[in-house]
């Protein structure tokens, strides 16, 4: 029989008992949370973004009208220039 193994097991159970007694001692305490004014500002901004629409109707209305009438055309040169400009920005 190995005595040191028993000692190790006993130490594990003793720490669990100590943790339980510490938890019982704090049973009457309550937690409090304080949010800073900066945190409140961030929360208000998040709510404003969540409430706003994902689509800007003032920008897309004219494009939709041109698409539906068949008058919307994309210049390949303009598209290529903008594509290369974005590529350069990302590098």
Foldseek 3Di string as FASTA:
>chain_A
DDPVVVVVVVVVVVVVVVVVVVVVVCPPPDDDDDDDPVRVVVVVVVVVVVPDDPDDCVVCVVVVVCVVVVNDDDDPVVVVVVVVVVVVVVD
